[in-house]
Amino acid sequence: MIVLAEGFELLVGGSSLESYRFNTGTAKHRFCRNCGIHPFSRPRSHPDGFDVNVRCLDDWEIDDLDGRNWELRVDEIR
């Protein structure tokens, strides 16, 4: 899920993250150095936001995310 930069705040775990840049080096991906999960990145397609892996969020049920029809609920999801 992509959120605007001003709506993103990393609360814990920052010291466990490593950065990696693929191919062009534009997008900045973060990975947990302990388990390897990809919690978020700064996508090339949305440089003013963050692409967040919702599986890493507290109080979020994956069933709440409908990837096929997300545009219909974009205001609710934000």
Protein backbone atom coordinates (compact mmCIF):
# COMPACT_ATOMS: atom_id res chain seq x y z
CA MET A 1 0.00 0.00 0.00
CA ILE A 2 1.41 3.40 -0.92
CA VAL A 3 1.11 6.22 1.61
CA LEU A 4 2.27 9.82 1.37
CA ALA A 5 5.57 10.53 3.12
CA GLU A 6 3.90 12.81 5.67
CA GLY A 7 1.57 9.96 6.63
CA PHE A 8 4.40 7.50 7.28
CA GLU A 9 6.15 7.09 10.62
CA LEU A 10 8.44 4.21 11.51
CA LEU A 11 7.84 3.59 15.21
CA VAL A 12 10.19 0.67 15.96
CA GLY A 13 12.79 -1.49 14.28
CA GLY A 14 14.72 1.13 12.35
CA SER A 15 18.06 -0.08 13.71
CA SER A 16 17.36 -3.55 12.27
CA LEU A 17 16.87 -2.32 8.70
CA GLU A 18 19.27 -2.42 5.78
CA SER A 19 18.82 -0.55 2.51
CA TYR A 20 19.21 -1.89 -0.99
CA ARG A 21 18.79 -0.26 -4.39
CA PHE A 22 18.02 -2.46 -7.39
CA ASN A 23 18.87 -1.78 -11.03
CA THR A 24 18.61 2.02 -11.55
CA GLY A 25 19.17 2.75 -7.86
CA THR A 26 16.20 5.11 -7.72
CA ALA A 27 13.92 3.14 -5.41
CA LYS A 28 15.26 2.60 -1.91
CA HIS A 29 14.15 -0.73 -0.45
CA ARG A 30 14.39 -1.64 3.23
CA PHE A 31 14.92 -5.17 4.53
CA CYS A 32 15.12 -6.54 8.05
CA ARG A 33 18.67 -7.77 8.60
CA ASN A 34 17.35 -10.44 11.01
CA CYS A 35 14.48 -12.07 9.10
CA GLY A 36 14.75 -10.60 5.58
CA ILE A 37 11.20 -9.23 5.36
CA HIS A 38 10.65 -6.19 3.14
CA PRO A 39 8.58 -3.82 5.34
CA PHE A 40 8.63 -0.71 3.10
CA SER A 41 10.38 1.12 0.30
CA ARG A 42 10.55 4.52 -1.32
CA PRO A 43 9.20 3.59 -4.77
CA ARG A 44 10.42 5.07 -8.01
CA SER A 45 6.80 5.39 -9.16
CA HIS A 46 5.77 7.43 -6.08
CA PRO A 47 8.84 9.35 -4.84
CA ASP A 48 6.61 11.42 -2.52
CA GLY A 49 5.46 8.33 -0.65
CA PHE A 50 6.29 4.95 0.81
CA ASP A 51 5.22 1.53 -0.39
CA VAL A 52 4.32 -0.27 2.86
CA ASN A 53 4.00 -4.04 3.29
CA VAL A 54 0.73 -4.15 5.27
CA ARG A 55 1.68 -7.55 6.67
CA CYS A 56 4.16 -5.66 8.87
CA LEU A 57 1.52 -3.43 10.47
CA ASP A 58 -0.04 -3.96 13.88
CA ASP A 59 -3.84 -3.93 14.00
CA TRP A 60 -4.19 -4.83 10.33
CA GLU A 61 -5.89 -7.92 9.01
CA ILE A 62 -4.76 -9.08 5.60
CA ASP A 63 -8.42 -9.90 4.85
CA ASP A 64 -9.05 -6.13 4.98
CA LEU A 65 -6.98 -5.74 1.81
CA ASP A 66 -8.63 -6.53 -1.50
CA GLY A 67 -5.83 -6.17 -4.01
CA ARG A 68 -8.10 -6.69 -6.98
CA ASN A 69 -10.59 -3.91 -6.10
CA TRP A 70 -8.52 -1.60 -3.93
CA GLU A 71 -9.37 1.47 -6.02
CA LEU A 72 -12.99 1.22 -4.88
CA ARG A 73 -11.89 1.58 -1.24
CA VAL A 74 -8.86 3.85 -1.57
CA ASP A 75 -10.28 6.60 0.66
CA GLU A 76 -11.30 4.08 3.32
CA ILE A 77 -7.90 2.35 3.21
CA ARG A 78 -5.95 5.59 3.60
